[in-house]
Amino acid sequence: MIGDAQVARPPRLPPRLRAIAGVVPTGAQSVADIGAGDGQLARHLAARGLYVIATESQPGPFARLRAALPGFDCRFGSGLEVLRPGEVEGAVIAGMGGRTIARILESSPRVAGQLDWLILQAQQHADELQAWLEAAGYGSRSQGSAVQGRRRYTVVLAWPHERS
């Protein structure tokens, strides 16, 4: 249950989103889906019992997200900037490039530093994201990959070192 929204059972996810959902830590209670797109992953995680905050940074996609997820906590804004430190346990940042993901984390250090875990799935520049994570003091490990269409997507679980 998410706010007043109830979801009976998780919808079937495409392979790249299924790979992400499979990495969400057992026992997790809350998550932010950054750049939630059409809300498929947010709806799935809510059906699993997580409190979900779904975000979008552009007006058109945000309007579509709100329409797709009535009753959910949907927020308009860039990256982690719409969250308060400690508001959720973890965040999913997927469907964008590794450089963009690094910029999102870099621009909100207070929020990012309070997350217990991050699930990251870069569509390109994954090696640059990995280097950034290491330099910024995050621990991380690959949690597998998924093939969708002609692309292979790697899922990375990351955490601030002081929380490892």
Protein backbone atom coordinates (compact mmCIF):
# COMPACT_ATOMS: atom_id res chain seq x y z
CA MET A 1 0.00 0.00 0.00
CA ILE A 2 1.32 3.41 -0.98
CA GLY A 3 -0.52 6.27 0.61
CA ASP A 4 -4.09 5.64 -0.50
CA ALA A 5 -2.98 3.58 -3.51
CA GLN A 6 -3.39 -0.16 -3.33
CA VAL A 7 -1.96 -2.57 -5.86
CA ALA A 8 -3.25 -6.15 -5.92
CA ARG A 9 -0.25 -7.91 -7.42
CA PRO A 10 2.95 -6.90 -9.16
CA PRO A 11 2.58 -6.34 -12.90
CA ARG A 12 4.85 -8.27 -15.25
CA LEU A 13 7.98 -6.27 -15.90
CA PRO A 14 10.25 -6.15 -18.94
CA PRO A 15 13.62 -7.89 -18.40
CA ARG A 16 15.67 -4.80 -17.50
CA LEU A 17 13.16 -3.72 -14.83
CA ARG A 18 12.79 -7.29 -13.54
CA ALA A 19 16.56 -7.33 -13.01
CA ILE A 20 16.32 -4.13 -10.95
CA ALA A 21 13.37 -5.38 -8.89
CA GLY A 22 15.30 -8.54 -8.10
CA VAL A 23 18.09 -6.55 -6.43
CA VAL A 24 15.90 -4.58 -4.01
CA PRO A 25 17.10 -5.77 -0.58
CA THR A 26 14.91 -8.23 1.29
CA GLY A 27 13.07 -6.40 4.03
CA ALA A 28 13.32 -3.00 2.34
CA GLN A 29 10.38 -0.78 3.23
CA SER A 30 10.86 2.36 1.16
CA VAL A 31 12.41 3.42 -2.13
CA ALA A 32 12.59 6.36 -4.50
CA ASP A 33 12.29 5.54 -8.20
CA ILE A 34 14.23 8.40 -9.78
CA GLY A 35 13.13 9.06 -13.35
CA ALA A 36 10.25 6.60 -12.96
CA GLY A 37 9.08 6.89 -16.58
CA ASP A 38 5.75 5.15 -17.00
CA GLY A 39 5.71 3.92 -13.41
CA GLN A 40 5.96 0.18 -14.10
CA LEU A 41 8.74 -0.42 -11.57
CA ALA A 42 7.14 1.85 -8.96
CA ARG A 43 3.83 -0.03 -9.26
CA HIS A 44 5.65 -3.38 -9.00
CA LEU A 45 7.58 -2.36 -5.88
CA ALA A 46 4.45 -0.94 -4.27
CA ALA A 47 2.69 -4.24 -4.88
CA ARG A 48 5.53 -5.89 -2.96
CA GLY A 49 4.69 -3.66 0.00
CA LEU A 50 7.29 -0.90 -0.35
CA TYR A 51 6.51 2.76 0.15
CA VAL A 52 7.48 4.30 -3.21
CA ILE A 53 8.24 7.87 -4.19
CA ALA A 54 8.26 8.15 -8.00
CA THR A 55 9.94 11.15 -9.61
CA GLU A 56 10.24 12.78 -13.02
CA SER A 57 12.08 15.95 -14.00
CA GLN A 58 10.20 17.08 -17.12
CA PRO A 59 6.59 18.33 -17.25
CA GLY A 60 5.30 15.93 -19.93
CA PRO A 61 6.73 12.74 -18.42
CA PHE A 62 5.66 13.90 -14.95
CA ALA A 63 2.06 14.37 -16.09
CA ARG A 64 2.09 10.87 -17.63
CA LEU A 65 3.59 9.41 -14.45
CA ARG A 66 0.91 10.99 -12.25
CA ALA A 67 -1.80 9.73 -14.60
CA ALA A 68 -0.31 6.22 -14.53
CA LEU A 69 0.06 6.15 -10.72
CA PRO A 70 -2.99 7.79 -9.13
CA GLY A 71 -2.67 7.86 -5.35
CA PHE A 72 1.10 7.40 -5.40
CA ASP A 73 3.62 9.90 -4.04
CA CYS A 74 4.79 11.37 -7.36
CA ARG A 75 7.20 14.31 -7.27
CA PHE A 76 8.35 16.73 -9.92
CA GLY A 77 12.02 17.65 -9.84
CA SER A 78 15.55 16.72 -10.69
CA GLY A 79 17.21 13.63 -9.28
CA LEU A 80 17.39 13.27 -5.52
CA GLU A 81 16.66 16.97 -4.97
CA VAL A 82 12.96 16.24 -4.34
CA LEU A 83 13.80 14.01 -1.35
CA ARG A 84 14.67 14.84 2.25
CA PRO A 85 17.69 13.12 3.83
CA GLY A 86 16.57 9.85 5.41
CA GLU A 87 13.11 9.93 3.81
CA VAL A 88 13.61 6.58 2.05
CA GLU A 89 15.98 3.67 2.59
CA GLY A 90 17.13 3.36 -0.99
CA ALA A 91 16.82 4.66 -4.51
CA VAL A 92 16.67 3.24 -8.01
CA ILE A 93 18.32 5.33 -10.70
CA ALA A 94 18.03 3.64 -14.08
CA GLY A 95 17.28 4.33 -17.71
CA MET A 96 19.89 7.06 -18.12
CA GLY A 97 23.61 7.32 -18.74
CA GLY A 98 26.31 6.71 -16.17
CA ARG A 99 27.45 10.34 -16.29
CA THR A 100 23.92 11.52 -15.56
CA ILE A 101 23.57 9.08 -12.66
CA ALA A 102 26.88 10.33 -11.21
CA ARG A 103 25.68 13.96 -11.55
CA ILE A 104 22.44 13.09 -9.74
CA LEU A 105 24.34 11.57 -6.82
CA GLU A 106 26.93 14.34 -6.79
CA SER A 107 24.32 17.12 -6.73
CA SER A 108 22.54 15.82 -3.61
CA PRO A 109 25.23 14.55 -1.24
CA ARG A 110 23.12 14.95 1.93
CA VAL A 111 20.31 12.80 0.52
CA ALA A 112 22.59 10.28 -1.21
CA GLY A 113 24.72 9.87 1.92
CA GLN A 114 21.67 8.92 3.99
CA LEU A 115 20.57 6.14 1.63
CA ASP A 116 21.29 2.60 2.77
CA TRP A 117 21.46 1.35 -0.82
CA LEU A 118 21.28 2.42 -4.45
CA ILE A 119 20.33 0.31 -7.44
CA LEU A 120 21.90 1.76 -10.56
CA GLN A 121 21.47 0.72 -14.17
CA ALA A 122 23.37 2.88 -16.63
CA GLN A 123 22.39 2.67 -20.28
CA GLN A 124 25.84 3.83 -21.35
CA HIS A 125 29.09 4.96 -19.70
CA ALA A 126 28.74 2.31 -16.98
CA ASP A 127 32.52 2.17 -16.59
CA GLU A 128 32.63 5.92 -15.89
CA LEU A 129 29.86 5.54 -13.31
CA GLN A 130 31.79 2.72 -11.61
CA ALA A 131 34.92 4.88 -11.48
CA TRP A 132 32.92 7.79 -10.06
CA LEU A 133 31.36 5.56 -7.37
CA GLU A 134 34.79 4.36 -6.30
CA ALA A 135 36.27 7.86 -6.23
CA ALA A 136 33.26 9.20 -4.28
CA GLY A 137 33.63 6.56 -1.59
CA TYR A 138 30.79 4.21 -2.47
CA GLY A 139 31.01 0.48 -2.20
CA SER A 140 29.42 -1.35 -5.11
CA ARG A 141 29.07 -4.68 -6.79
CA SER A 142 27.46 -5.91 -9.96
CA GLN A 143 24.29 -7.82 -9.28
CA GLY A 144 23.88 -9.31 -12.73
CA SER A 145 22.47 -8.16 -16.00
CA ALA A 146 19.49 -8.44 -18.28
CA VAL A 147 19.09 -8.47 -22.02
CA GLN A 148 16.24 -6.52 -23.52
CA GLY A 149 16.09 -6.10 -27.25
CA ARG A 150 19.64 -5.74 -28.50
CA ARG A 151 20.97 -4.20 -25.29
CA ARG A 152 22.52 -5.70 -22.20
CA TYR A 153 21.86 -3.85 -18.95
CA THR A 154 24.04 -4.32 -15.88
CA VAL A 155 22.52 -3.79 -12.45
CA VAL A 156 24.80 -2.37 -9.74
CA LEU A 157 24.05 -2.30 -6.03
CA ALA A 158 25.90 0.56 -4.32
CA TRP A 159 26.08 1.98 -0.81
CA PRO A 160 27.95 4.73 1.04
CA HIS A 161 31.03 3.13 2.65
CA GLU A 162 30.07 4.21 6.14
CA ARG A 163 26.86 2.18 5.74
CA SER A 164 28.47 -1.02 4.40
